[in-house]
Amino acid sequence: MKQSGSQTNSHNTLSAGTIIRGDVYAEEDLRVDAQVEGNIECKGKVIVGGKAVVTGYIKCKNAELMGMVSGDLYVDGRLTLRSSVNYKGDIHARALEIEPGAVFNGTCNMVTDNDTEEGER
């Protein structure tokens, strides 16, 4: 059977039990349930699952964190820190949502359109 067109809702998954030592680059959405010792850059949304451990910065369009993350976050859109997250690092995001119970140790810088334009120069 021939498939026509491209998939619009595709995403990548790093499953539990996997250990990545090195940087991860993704064109589509990425779900991490693994241990990642390196930076993550994604053109879509990054979801860090409740049992995941990430050590390194994350750059993405949107993010939802539930596990343990240590490293700076650069989010062009919305960042959601769920109640189960344990996050240590600095946040640079346009929008931020923090659920009760979330652990966040670091600083937060809210990004505006002017900040984005200056960063592209």
PDB file of N, CA and C in Angstrom:
ATOM      1  N   MET A   1       0.846  -1.176   0.000  1.00  0.00           N
ATOM      2  CA  MET A   1       0.000   0.000   0.000  1.00  0.00           C
ATOM      3  C   MET A   1       0.883   1.227   0.000  1.00  0.00           C
ATOM      4  N   LYS A   2       0.601   2.136  -0.880  1.00  0.00           N
ATOM      5  CA  LYS A   2       1.399   3.347  -1.019  1.00  0.00           C
ATOM      6  C   LYS A   2       0.882   4.430  -0.086  1.00  0.00           C
ATOM      7  N   GLN A   3       1.831   5.089   0.614  1.00  0.00           N
ATOM      8  CA  GLN A   3       1.444   6.199   1.491  1.00  0.00           C
ATOM      9  C   GLN A   3       1.632   7.498   0.740  1.00  0.00           C
ATOM     10  N   SER A   4       0.667   8.384   0.861  1.00  0.00           N
ATOM     11  CA  SER A   4       0.785   9.678   0.192  1.00  0.00           C
ATOM     12  C   SER A   4       0.971  10.775   1.231  1.00  0.00           C
ATOM     13  N   GLY A   5       1.767  11.763   0.876  1.00  0.00           N
ATOM     14  CA  GLY A   5       1.993  12.896   1.770  1.00  0.00           C
ATOM     15  C   GLY A   5       2.935  12.537   2.894  1.00  0.00           C
ATOM     16  N   SER A   6       3.253  13.528   3.716  1.00  0.00           N
ATOM     17  CA  SER A   6       4.133  13.296   4.860  1.00  0.00           C
ATOM     18  C   SER A   6       3.317  13.280   6.140  1.00  0.00           C
ATOM     19  N   GLN A   7       3.867  12.625   7.146  1.00  0.00           N
ATOM     20  CA  GLN A   7       3.184  12.573   8.433  1.00  0.00           C
ATOM     21  C   GLN A   7       3.347  13.915   9.132  1.00  0.00           C
ATOM     22  N   THR A   8       2.266  14.450   9.658  1.00  0.00           N
ATOM     23  CA  THR A   8       2.327  15.753  10.306  1.00  0.00           C
ATOM     24  C   THR A   8       2.437  15.634  11.819  1.00  0.00           C
ATOM     25  N   ASN A   9       2.077  14.502  12.390  1.00  0.00           N
ATOM     26  CA  ASN A   9       2.105  14.345  13.838  1.00  0.00           C
ATOM     27  C   ASN A   9       3.187  13.358  14.279  1.00  0.00           C
ATOM     28  N   SER A  10       4.279  13.287  13.541  1.00  0.00           N
ATOM     29  CA  SER A  10       5.337  12.360  13.909  1.00  0.00           C
ATOM     30  C   SER A  10       6.153  12.920  15.059  1.00  0.00           C
ATOM     31  N   HIS A  11       6.760  12.008  15.833  1.00  0.00           N
ATOM     32  CA  HIS A  11       7.628  12.415  16.932  1.00  0.00           C
ATOM     33  C   HIS A  11       8.653  11.315  17.190  1.00  0.00           C
ATOM     34  N   ASN A  12       9.694  11.681  17.885  1.00  0.00           N
ATOM     35  CA  ASN A  12      10.760  10.751  18.242  1.00  0.00           C
ATOM     36  C   ASN A  12      10.623  10.397  19.711  1.00  0.00           C
ATOM     37  N   THR A  13      11.054   9.188  20.080  1.00  0.00           N
ATOM     38  CA  THR A  13      10.997   8.759  21.472  1.00  0.00           C
ATOM     39  C   THR A  13      12.316   8.122  21.879  1.00  0.00           C
ATOM     40  N   LEU A  14      12.849   8.570  23.011  1.00  0.00           N
ATOM     41  CA  LEU A  14      13.986   7.908  23.650  1.00  0.00           C
ATOM     42  C   LEU A  14      13.399   7.167  24.846  1.00  0.00           C
ATOM     43  N   SER A  15      13.329   5.861  24.754  1.00  0.00           N
ATOM     44  CA  SER A  15      12.608   5.045  25.725  1.00  0.00           C
ATOM     45  C   SER A  15      13.384   4.820  27.016  1.00  0.00           C
ATOM     46  N   ALA A  16      12.637   4.486  28.076  1.00  0.00           N
ATOM     47  CA  ALA A  16      13.229   4.141  29.365  1.00  0.00           C
ATOM     48  C   ALA A  16      14.191   2.971  29.176  1.00  0.00           C
ATOM     49  N   GLY A  17      15.285   2.988  29.933  1.00  0.00           N
ATOM     50  CA  GLY A  17      16.296   1.960  29.827  1.00  0.00           C
ATOM     51  C   GLY A  17      17.397   2.318  28.841  1.00  0.00           C
ATOM     52  N   THR A  18      17.236   3.430  28.143  1.00  0.00           N
ATOM     53  CA  THR A  18      18.224   3.897  27.175  1.00  0.00           C
ATOM     54  C   THR A  18      19.088   4.968  27.820  1.00  0.00           C
ATOM     55  N   ILE A  19      20.399   4.920  27.551  1.00  0.00           N
ATOM     56  CA  ILE A  19      21.325   5.958  28.020  1.00  0.00           C
ATOM     57  C   ILE A  19      21.992   6.571  26.802  1.00  0.00           C
ATOM     58  N   ILE A  20      21.871   7.889  26.674  1.00  0.00           N
ATOM     59  CA  ILE A  20      22.496   8.621  25.575  1.00  0.00           C
ATOM     60  C   ILE A  20      23.593   9.493  26.169  1.00  0.00           C
ATOM     61  N   ARG A  21      24.816   9.335  25.670  1.00  0.00           N
ATOM     62  CA  ARG A  21      25.927  10.206  26.062  1.00  0.00           C
ATOM     63  C   ARG A  21      26.342  10.966  24.815  1.00  0.00           C
ATOM     64  N   GLY A  22      25.892  12.207  24.723  1.00  0.00           N
ATOM     65  CA  GLY A  22      26.137  13.020  23.538  1.00  0.00           C
ATOM     66  C   GLY A  22      24.910  13.861  23.254  1.00  0.00           C
ATOM     67  N   ASP A  23      25.027  14.755  22.306  1.00  0.00           N
ATOM     68  CA  ASP A  23      23.939  15.676  21.995  1.00  0.00           C
ATOM     69  C   ASP A  23      22.878  15.012  21.125  1.00  0.00           C
ATOM     70  N   VAL A  24      21.635  15.475  21.287  1.00  0.00           N
ATOM     71  CA  VAL A  24      20.500  14.960  20.533  1.00  0.00           C
ATOM     72  C   VAL A  24      19.891  16.109  19.732  1.00  0.00           C
ATOM     73  N   TYR A  25      19.695  15.888  18.429  1.00  0.00           N
ATOM     74  CA  TYR A  25      19.072  16.872  17.547  1.00  0.00           C
ATOM     75  C   TYR A  25      17.837  16.245  16.917  1.00  0.00           C
ATOM     76  N   ALA A  26      16.711  16.972  16.949  1.00  0.00           N
ATOM     77  CA  ALA A  26      15.468  16.434  16.386  1.00  0.00           C
ATOM     78  C   ALA A  26      14.739  17.504  15.586  1.00  0.00           C
ATOM     79  N   GLU A  27      14.237  17.116  14.432  1.00  0.00           N
ATOM     80  CA  GLU A  27      13.450  18.018  13.585  1.00  0.00           C
ATOM     81  C   GLU A  27      11.990  18.076  14.043  1.00  0.00           C
ATOM     82  N   GLU A  28      11.502  16.957  14.600  1.00  0.00           N
ATOM     83  CA  GLU A  28      10.111  16.849  15.029  1.00  0.00           C
ATOM     84  C   GLU A  28      10.047  16.803  16.560  1.00  0.00           C
ATOM     85  N   ASP A  29       8.853  16.670  17.107  1.00  0.00           N
ATOM     86  CA  ASP A  29       8.667  16.570  18.552  1.00  0.00           C
ATOM     87  C   ASP A  29       9.477  15.401  19.107  1.00  0.00           C
ATOM     88  N   LEU A  30       9.897  15.535  20.370  1.00  0.00           N
ATOM     89  CA  LEU A  30      10.741  14.534  21.000  1.00  0.00           C
ATOM     90  C   LEU A  30      10.238  14.239  22.404  1.00  0.00           C
ATOM     91  N   ARG A  31      10.047  12.953  22.707  1.00  0.00           N
ATOM     92  CA  ARG A  31       9.718  12.525  24.063  1.00  0.00           C
ATOM     93  C   ARG A  31      10.919  11.775  24.624  1.00  0.00           C
ATOM     94  N   VAL A  32      11.340  12.189  25.834  1.00  0.00           N
ATOM     95  CA  VAL A  32      12.496  11.575  26.475  1.00  0.00           C
ATOM     96  C   VAL A  32      12.034  10.876  27.747  1.00  0.00           C
ATOM     97  N   ASP A  33      12.194   9.559  27.780  1.00  0.00           N
ATOM     98  CA  ASP A  33      11.954   8.774  28.982  1.00  0.00           C
ATOM     99  C   ASP A  33      13.255   8.108  29.412  1.00  0.00           C
ATOM    100  N   ALA A  34      14.337   8.487  28.772  1.00  0.00           N
ATOM    101  CA  ALA A  34      15.656   7.881  28.964  1.00  0.00           C
ATOM    102  C   ALA A  34      16.545   8.773  29.829  1.00  0.00           C
ATOM    103  N   GLN A  35      17.794   8.336  29.971  1.00  0.00           N
ATOM    104  CA  GLN A  35      18.822   9.154  30.604  1.00  0.00           C
ATOM    105  C   GLN A  35      19.646   9.775  29.484  1.00  0.00           C
ATOM    106  N   VAL A  36      19.746  11.115  29.477  1.00  0.00           N
ATOM    107  CA  VAL A  36      20.508  11.820  28.452  1.00  0.00           C
ATOM    108  C   VAL A  36      21.574  12.657  29.139  1.00  0.00           C
ATOM    109  N   GLU A  37      22.827  12.391  28.788  1.00  0.00           N
ATOM    110  CA  GLU A  37      23.953  13.167  29.278  1.00  0.00           C
ATOM    111  C   GLU A  37      24.494  13.952  28.094  1.00  0.00           C
ATOM    112  N   GLY A  38      23.854  15.069  27.806  1.00  0.00           N
ATOM    113  CA  GLY A  38      24.203  15.901  26.657  1.00  0.00           C
ATOM    114  C   GLY A  38      23.090  16.887  26.399  1.00  0.00           C
ATOM    115  N   ASN A  39      23.289  17.743  25.426  1.00  0.00           N
ATOM    116  CA  ASN A  39      22.327  18.786  25.103  1.00  0.00           C
ATOM    117  C   ASN A  39      21.262  18.260  24.150  1.00  0.00           C
ATOM    118  N   ILE A  40      20.079  18.875  24.226  1.00  0.00           N
ATOM    119  CA  ILE A  40      18.971  18.507  23.336  1.00  0.00           C
ATOM    120  C   ILE A  40      18.549  19.754  22.573  1.00  0.00           C
ATOM    121  N   GLU A  41      18.521  19.649  21.238  1.00  0.00           N
ATOM    122  CA  GLU A  41      18.013  20.720  20.390  1.00  0.00           C
ATOM    123  C   GLU A  41      16.921  20.138  19.515  1.00  0.00           C
ATOM    124  N   CYS A  42      15.754  20.781  19.549  1.00  0.00           N
ATOM    125  CA  CYS A  42      14.579  20.249  18.855  1.00  0.00           C
ATOM    126  C   CYS A  42      13.793  21.397  18.241  1.00  0.00           C
ATOM    127  N   LYS A  43      13.350  21.227  16.999  1.00  0.00           N
ATOM    128  CA  LYS A  43      12.561  22.265  16.332  1.00  0.00           C
ATOM    129  C   LYS A  43      11.093  22.190  16.727  1.00  0.00           C
ATOM    130  N   GLY A  44      10.718  21.179  17.477  1.00  0.00           N
ATOM    131  CA  GLY A  44       9.345  21.018  17.933  1.00  0.00           C
ATOM    132  C   GLY A  44       9.265  21.069  19.443  1.00  0.00           C
ATOM    133  N   LYS A  45       8.370  20.253  20.000  1.00  0.00           N
ATOM    134  CA  LYS A  45       8.147  20.190  21.440  1.00  0.00           C
ATOM    135  C   LYS A  45       8.987  19.076  22.050  1.00  0.00           C
ATOM    136  N   VAL A  46       9.549  19.355  23.223  1.00  0.00           N
ATOM    137  CA  VAL A  46      10.283  18.347  23.981  1.00  0.00           C
ATOM    138  C   VAL A  46       9.471  17.998  25.224  1.00  0.00           C
ATOM    139  N   ILE A  47       9.231  16.698  25.440  1.00  0.00           N
ATOM    140  CA  ILE A  47       8.571  16.215  26.642  1.00  0.00           C
ATOM    141  C   ILE A  47       9.576  15.345  27.382  1.00  0.00           C
ATOM    142  N   VAL A  48       9.854  15.701  28.624  1.00  0.00           N
ATOM    143  CA  VAL A  48      10.736  14.898  29.471  1.00  0.00           C
ATOM    144  C   VAL A  48       9.840  14.158  30.449  1.00  0.00           C
ATOM    145  N   GLY A  49       9.773  12.827  30.313  1.00  0.00           N
ATOM    146  CA  GLY A  49       8.896  11.997  31.122  1.00  0.00           C
ATOM    147  C   GLY A  49       9.310  11.938  32.584  1.00  0.00           C
ATOM    148  N   GLY A  50       8.426  11.428  33.407  1.00  0.00           N
ATOM    149  CA  GLY A  50       8.599  11.410  34.856  1.00  0.00           C
ATOM    150  C   GLY A  50       9.797  10.633  35.362  1.00  0.00           C
ATOM    151  N   LYS A  51      10.263   9.632  34.624  1.00  0.00           N
ATOM    152  CA  LYS A  51      11.406   8.834  35.069  1.00  0.00           C
ATOM    153  C   LYS A  51      12.691   9.195  34.332  1.00  0.00           C
ATOM    154  N   ALA A  52      12.626  10.189  33.458  1.00  0.00           N
ATOM    155  CA  ALA A  52      13.790  10.599  32.675  1.00  0.00           C
ATOM    156  C   ALA A  52      14.753  11.430  33.517  1.00  0.00           C
ATOM    157  N   VAL A  53      16.040  11.371  33.120  1.00  0.00           N
ATOM    158  CA  VAL A  53      17.079  12.195  33.730  1.00  0.00           C
ATOM    159  C   VAL A  53      17.858  12.841  32.589  1.00  0.00           C
ATOM    160  N   VAL A  54      17.858  14.180  32.544  1.00  0.00           N
ATOM    161  CA  VAL A  54      18.557  14.918  31.493  1.00  0.00           C
ATOM    162  C   VAL A  54      19.565  15.853  32.139  1.00  0.00           C
ATOM    163  N   THR A  55      20.826  15.755  31.693  1.00  0.00           N
ATOM    164  CA  THR A  55      21.881  16.646  32.148  1.00  0.00           C
ATOM    165  C   THR A  55      22.448  17.345  30.920  1.00  0.00           C
ATOM    166  N   GLY A  56      22.103  18.607  30.746  1.00  0.00           N
ATOM    167  CA  GLY A  56      22.529  19.381  29.578  1.00  0.00           C
ATOM    168  C   GLY A  56      21.450  20.392  29.248  1.00  0.00           C
ATOM    169  N   TYR A  57      21.778  21.330  28.375  1.00  0.00           N
ATOM    170  CA  TYR A  57      20.772  22.336  28.036  1.00  0.00           C
ATOM    171  C   TYR A  57      19.757  21.763  27.061  1.00  0.00           C
ATOM    172  N   ILE A  58      18.568  22.406  27.043  1.00  0.00           N
ATOM    173  CA  ILE A  58      17.510  22.038  26.104  1.00  0.00           C
ATOM    174  C   ILE A  58      17.098  23.303  25.357  1.00  0.00           C
ATOM    175  N   LYS A  59      17.130  23.243  24.013  1.00  0.00           N
ATOM    176  CA  LYS A  59      16.631  24.320  23.158  1.00  0.00           C
ATOM    177  C   LYS A  59      15.499  23.744  22.322  1.00  0.00           C
ATOM    178  N   CYS A  60      14.319  24.406  22.375  1.00  0.00           N
ATOM    179  CA  CYS A  60      13.183  23.878  21.631  1.00  0.00           C
ATOM    180  C   CYS A  60      12.106  24.940  21.455  1.00  0.00           C
ATOM    181  N   LYS A  61      11.042  24.557  20.756  1.00  0.00           N
ATOM    182  CA  LYS A  61       9.909  25.462  20.541  1.00  0.00           C
ATOM    183  C   LYS A  61       9.013  25.502  21.778  1.00  0.00           C
ATOM    184  N   ASN A  62       8.631  24.343  22.290  1.00  0.00           N
ATOM    185  CA  ASN A  62       7.819  24.218  23.500  1.00  0.00           C
ATOM    186  C   ASN A  62       8.364  23.045  24.307  1.00  0.00           C
ATOM    187  N   ALA A  63       8.107  23.060  25.629  1.00  0.00           N
ATOM    188  CA  ALA A  63       8.609  21.966  26.464  1.00  0.00           C
ATOM    189  C   ALA A  63       7.662  21.683  27.615  1.00  0.00           C
ATOM    190  N   GLU A  64       7.638  20.403  28.010  1.00  0.00           N
ATOM    191  CA  GLU A  64       6.873  19.949  29.172  1.00  0.00           C
ATOM    192  C   GLU A  64       7.795  19.017  29.948  1.00  0.00           C
ATOM    193  N   LEU A  65       8.106  19.399  31.190  1.00  0.00           N
ATOM    194  CA  LEU A  65       9.060  18.641  31.991  1.00  0.00           C
ATOM    195  C   LEU A  65       8.373  17.973  33.172  1.00  0.00           C
ATOM    196  N   MET A  66       8.684  16.664  33.357  1.00  0.00           N
ATOM    197  CA  MET A  66       8.130  15.896  34.462  1.00  0.00           C
ATOM    198  C   MET A  66       9.207  15.179  35.262  1.00  0.00           C
ATOM    199  N   GLY A  67      10.381  14.959  34.694  1.00  0.00           N
ATOM    200  CA  GLY A  67      11.448  14.205  35.339  1.00  0.00           C
ATOM    201  C   GLY A  67      12.499  15.095  35.963  1.00  0.00           C
ATOM    202  N   MET A  68      13.744  14.598  35.995  1.00  0.00           N
ATOM    203  CA  MET A  68      14.862  15.356  36.558  1.00  0.00           C
ATOM    204  C   MET A  68      15.657  15.985  35.413  1.00  0.00           C
ATOM    205  N   VAL A  69      15.832  17.306  35.500  1.00  0.00           N
ATOM    206  CA  VAL A  69      16.560  18.030  34.458  1.00  0.00           C
ATOM    207  C   VAL A  69      17.536  18.982  35.124  1.00  0.00           C
ATOM    208  N   SER A  70      18.781  18.947  34.660  1.00  0.00           N
ATOM    209  CA  SER A  70      19.809  19.849  35.154  1.00  0.00           C
ATOM    210  C   SER A  70      20.493  20.483  33.952  1.00  0.00           C
ATOM    211  N   GLY A  71      20.244  21.767  33.740  1.00  0.00           N
ATOM    212  CA  GLY A  71      20.803  22.489  32.601  1.00  0.00           C
ATOM    213  C   GLY A  71      19.864  23.607  32.196  1.00  0.00           C
ATOM    214  N   ASP A  72      20.376  24.561  31.454  1.00  0.00           N
ATOM    215  CA  ASP A  72      19.562  25.703  31.057  1.00  0.00           C
ATOM    216  C   ASP A  72      18.522  25.315  30.014  1.00  0.00           C
ATOM    217  N   LEU A  73      17.397  26.044  30.025  1.00  0.00           N
ATOM    218  CA  LEU A  73      16.307  25.827  29.072  1.00  0.00           C
ATOM    219  C   LEU A  73      16.129  27.072  28.210  1.00  0.00           C
ATOM    220  N   TYR A  74      16.061  26.879  26.898  1.00  0.00           N
ATOM    221  CA  TYR A  74      15.814  27.950  25.940  1.00  0.00           C
ATOM    222  C   TYR A  74      14.578  27.549  25.144  1.00  0.00           C
ATOM    223  N   VAL A  75      13.429  28.124  25.517  1.00  0.00           N
ATOM    224  CA  VAL A  75      12.147  27.717  24.941  1.00  0.00           C
ATOM    225  C   VAL A  75      11.525  28.912  24.228  1.00  0.00           C
ATOM    226  N   ASP A  76      11.315  28.767  22.914  1.00  0.00           N
ATOM    227  CA  ASP A  76      10.755  29.866  22.118  1.00  0.00           C
ATOM    228  C   ASP A  76       9.308  30.153  22.473  1.00  0.00           C
ATOM    229  N   GLY A  77       8.587  29.168  22.944  1.00  0.00           N
ATOM    230  CA  GLY A  77       7.171  29.313  23.262  1.00  0.00           C
ATOM    231  C   GLY A  77       6.882  29.060  24.723  1.00  0.00           C
ATOM    232  N   ARG A  78       6.056  28.020  24.993  1.00  0.00           N
ATOM    233  CA  ARG A  78       5.587  27.712  26.342  1.00  0.00           C
ATOM    234  C   ARG A  78       6.402  26.604  26.987  1.00  0.00           C
ATOM    235  N   LEU A  79       6.775  26.845  28.245  1.00  0.00           N
ATOM    236  CA  LEU A  79       7.424  25.840  29.086  1.00  0.00           C
ATOM    237  C   LEU A  79       6.476  25.488  30.212  1.00  0.00           C
ATOM    238  N   THR A  80       6.232  24.188  30.402  1.00  0.00           N
ATOM    239  CA  THR A  80       5.388  23.716  31.490  1.00  0.00           C
ATOM    240  C   THR A  80       6.222  22.834  32.409  1.00  0.00           C
ATOM    241  N   LEU A  81       6.271  23.220  33.693  1.00  0.00           N
ATOM    242  CA  LEU A  81       6.932  22.415  34.714  1.00  0.00           C
ATOM    243  C   LEU A  81       5.841  21.687  35.489  1.00  0.00           C
ATOM    244  N   ARG A  82       5.722  20.383  35.276  1.00  0.00           N
ATOM    245  CA  ARG A  82       4.695  19.576  35.934  1.00  0.00           C
ATOM    246  C   ARG A  82       5.065  19.330  37.395  1.00  0.00           C
ATOM    247  N   SER A  83       4.107  18.887  38.183  1.00  0.00           N
ATOM    248  CA  SER A  83       4.279  18.736  39.633  1.00  0.00           C
ATOM    249  C   SER A  83       5.383  17.756  40.011  1.00  0.00           C
ATOM    250  N   SER A  84       5.721  16.838  39.122  1.00  0.00           N
ATOM    251  CA  SER A  84       6.731  15.822  39.435  1.00  0.00           C
ATOM    252  C   SER A  84       8.153  16.226  39.042  1.00  0.00           C
ATOM    253  N   VAL A  85       8.327  17.393  38.425  1.00  0.00           N
ATOM    254  CA  VAL A  85       9.642  17.784  37.922  1.00  0.00           C
ATOM    255  C   VAL A  85      10.582  18.198  39.050  1.00  0.00           C
ATOM    256  N   ASN A  86      11.867  17.919  38.839  1.00  0.00           N
ATOM    257  CA  ASN A  86      12.937  18.426  39.696  1.00  0.00           C
ATOM    258  C   ASN A  86      13.915  19.091  38.744  1.00  0.00           C
ATOM    259  N   TYR A  87      13.857  20.436  38.648  1.00  0.00           N
ATOM    260  CA  TYR A  87      14.624  21.173  37.651  1.00  0.00           C
ATOM    261  C   TYR A  87      15.628  22.109  38.307  1.00  0.00           C
ATOM    262  N   LYS A  88      16.871  22.066  37.811  1.00  0.00           N
ATOM    263  CA  LYS A  88      17.921  22.960  38.277  1.00  0.00           C
ATOM    264  C   LYS A  88      18.576  23.599  37.061  1.00  0.00           C
ATOM    265  N   GLY A  89      18.476  24.923  36.966  1.00  0.00           N
ATOM    266  CA  GLY A  89      19.073  25.643  35.848  1.00  0.00           C
ATOM    267  C   GLY A  89      18.348  26.946  35.605  1.00  0.00           C
ATOM    268  N   ASP A  90      18.750  27.621  34.558  1.00  0.00           N
ATOM    269  CA  ASP A  90      18.152  28.907  34.206  1.00  0.00           C
ATOM    270  C   ASP A  90      17.166  28.736  33.062  1.00  0.00           C
ATOM    271  N   ILE A  91      16.048  29.450  33.163  1.00  0.00           N
ATOM    272  CA  ILE A  91      14.984  29.367  32.167  1.00  0.00           C
ATOM    273  C   ILE A  91      14.981  30.642  31.325  1.00  0.00           C
ATOM    274  N   HIS A  92      14.871  30.451  30.004  1.00  0.00           N
ATOM    275  CA  HIS A  92      14.669  31.541  29.051  1.00  0.00           C
ATOM    276  C   HIS A  92      13.461  31.117  28.221  1.00  0.00           C
ATOM    277  N   ALA A  93      12.291  31.696  28.486  1.00  0.00           N
ATOM    278  CA  ALA A  93      11.066  31.255  27.811  1.00  0.00           C
ATOM    279  C   ALA A  93      10.116  32.421  27.595  1.00  0.00           C
ATOM    280  N   ARG A  94       9.239  32.262  26.615  1.00  0.00           N
ATOM    281  CA  ARG A  94       8.235  33.283  26.321  1.00  0.00           C
ATOM    282  C   ARG A  94       7.041  33.158  27.279  1.00  0.00           C
ATOM    283  N   ALA A  95       6.686  31.929  27.640  1.00  0.00           N
ATOM    284  CA  ALA A  95       5.568  31.676  28.555  1.00  0.00           C
ATOM    285  C   ALA A  95       5.965  30.545  29.498  1.00  0.00           C
ATOM    286  N   LEU A  96       5.520  30.650  30.754  1.00  0.00           N
ATOM    287  CA  LEU A  96       5.911  29.667  31.765  1.00  0.00           C
ATOM    288  C   LEU A  96       4.711  29.284  32.614  1.00  0.00           C
ATOM    289  N   GLU A  97       4.551  27.972  32.804  1.00  0.00           N
ATOM    290  CA  GLU A  97       3.504  27.435  33.675  1.00  0.00           C
ATOM    291  C   GLU A  97       4.172  26.486  34.665  1.00  0.00           C
ATOM    292  N   ILE A  98       3.958  26.712  35.959  1.00  0.00           N
ATOM    293  CA  ILE A  98       4.539  25.866  36.993  1.00  0.00           C
ATOM    294  C   ILE A  98       3.415  25.305  37.852  1.00  0.00           C
ATOM    295  N   GLU A  99       3.307  23.980  37.890  1.00  0.00           N
ATOM    296  CA  GLU A  99       2.282  23.333  38.706  1.00  0.00           C
ATOM    297  C   GLU A  99       2.727  23.285  40.168  1.00  0.00           C
ATOM    298  N   PRO A 100       1.765  23.306  41.094  1.00  0.00           N
ATOM    299  CA  PRO A 100       2.114  23.137  42.511  1.00  0.00           C
ATOM    300  C   PRO A 100       2.848  21.817  42.717  1.00  0.00           C
ATOM    301  N   GLY A 101       3.915  21.857  43.496  1.00  0.00           N
ATOM    302  CA  GLY A 101       4.706  20.662  43.767  1.00  0.00           C
ATOM    303  C   GLY A 101       5.964  20.564  42.919  1.00  0.00           C
ATOM    304  N   ALA A 102       6.032  21.338  41.841  1.00  0.00           N
ATOM    305  CA  ALA A 102       7.227  21.328  40.994  1.00  0.00           C
ATOM    306  C   ALA A 102       8.404  21.914  41.763  1.00  0.00           C
ATOM    307  N   VAL A 103       9.606  21.349  41.568  1.00  0.00           N
ATOM    308  CA  VAL A 103      10.819  21.858  42.193  1.00  0.00           C
ATOM    309  C   VAL A 103      11.632  22.570  41.122  1.00  0.00           C
ATOM    310  N   PHE A 104      11.913  23.868  41.334  1.00  0.00           N
ATOM    311  CA  PHE A 104      12.663  24.686  40.379  1.00  0.00           C
ATOM    312  C   PHE A 104      13.686  25.498  41.144  1.00  0.00           C
ATOM    313  N   ASN A 105      14.967  25.258  40.866  1.00  0.00           N
ATOM    314  CA  ASN A 105      16.052  26.017  41.466  1.00  0.00           C
ATOM    315  C   ASN A 105      16.876  26.648  40.355  1.00  0.00           C
ATOM    316  N   GLY A 106      16.809  27.973  40.261  1.00  0.00           N
ATOM    317  CA  GLY A 106      17.522  28.700  39.223  1.00  0.00           C
ATOM    318  C   GLY A 106      16.892  30.053  39.011  1.00  0.00           C
ATOM    319  N   THR A 107      17.163  30.646  37.859  1.00  0.00           N
ATOM    320  CA  THR A 107      16.580  31.943  37.531  1.00  0.00           C
ATOM    321  C   THR A 107      15.686  31.802  36.315  1.00  0.00           C
ATOM    322  N   CYS A 108      14.834  32.794  36.124  1.00  0.00           N
ATOM    323  CA  CYS A 108      13.903  32.774  35.009  1.00  0.00           C
ATOM    324  C   CYS A 108      13.965  34.105  34.278  1.00  0.00           C
ATOM    325  N   ASN A 109      14.145  34.054  32.972  1.00  0.00           N
ATOM    326  CA  ASN A 109      14.141  35.238  32.110  1.00  0.00           C
ATOM    327  C   ASN A 109      13.029  35.066  31.089  1.00  0.00           C
ATOM    328  N   MET A 110      12.065  35.972  31.115  1.00  0.00           N
ATOM    329  CA  MET A 110      10.972  35.897  30.160  1.00  0.00           C
ATOM    330  C   MET A 110      11.400  36.579  28.866  1.00  0.00           C
ATOM    331  N   VAL A 111      11.295  35.853  27.761  1.00  0.00           N
ATOM    332  CA  VAL A 111      11.740  36.314  26.452  1.00  0.00           C
ATOM    333  C   VAL A 111      10.618  37.078  25.769  1.00  0.00           C
ATOM    334  N   THR A 112      10.977  38.180  25.133  1.00  0.00           N
ATOM    335  CA  THR A 112      10.004  38.962  24.361  1.00  0.00           C
ATOM    336  C   THR A 112      10.393  38.914  22.885  1.00  0.00           C
ATOM    337  N   ASP A 113       9.546  39.491  22.027  1.00  0.00           N
ATOM    338  CA  ASP A 113       9.858  39.545  20.608  1.00  0.00           C
ATOM    339  C   ASP A 113      11.154  40.306  20.359  1.00  0.00           C
ATOM    340  N   ASN A 114      11.406  41.375  21.118  1.00  0.00           N
ATOM    341  CA  ASN A 114      12.632  42.152  20.967  1.00  0.00           C
ATOM    342  C   ASN A 114      13.857  41.319  21.289  1.00  0.00           C
ATOM    343  N   ASP A 115      13.779  40.473  22.325  1.00  0.00           N
ATOM    344  CA  ASP A 115      14.901  39.604  22.699  1.00  0.00           C
ATOM    345  C   ASP A 115      15.224  38.626  21.573  1.00  0.00           C
ATOM    346  N   THR A 116      14.185  38.088  20.935  1.00  0.00           N
ATOM    347  CA  THR A 116      14.377  37.139  19.852  1.00  0.00           C
ATOM    348  C   THR A 116      15.061  37.808  18.664  1.00  0.00           C
ATOM    349  N   GLU A 117      14.609  39.013  18.307  1.00  0.00           N
ATOM    350  CA  GLU A 117      15.193  39.724  17.175  1.00  0.00           C
ATOM    351  C   GLU A 117      16.661  40.036  17.436  1.00  0.00           C
ATOM    352  N   GLU A 118      16.992  40.458  18.654  1.00  0.00           N
ATOM    353  CA  GLU A 118      18.376  40.785  18.980  1.00  0.00           C
ATOM    354  C   GLU A 118      19.246  39.544  18.963  1.00  0.00           C
ATOM    355  N   GLY A 119      18.696  38.400  19.394  1.00  0.00           N
ATOM    356  CA  GLY A 119      19.458  37.162  19.420  1.00  0.00           C
ATOM    357  C   GLY A 119      19.766  36.616  18.039  1.00  0.00           C
ATOM    358  N   GLU A 120      18.964  37.000  17.018  1.00  0.00           N
ATOM    359  CA  GLU A 120      19.171  36.506  15.665  1.00  0.00           C
ATOM    360  C   GLU A 120      20.240  37.298  14.917  1.00  0.00           C
ATOM    361  N   ARG A 121      20.644  38.428  15.441  1.00  0.00           N
ATOM    362  CA  ARG A 121      21.634  39.263  14.750  1.00  0.00           C
ATOM    363  C   ARG A 121      23.001  38.697  14.842  1.00  0.00           C
TER     364      ARG A 121
END
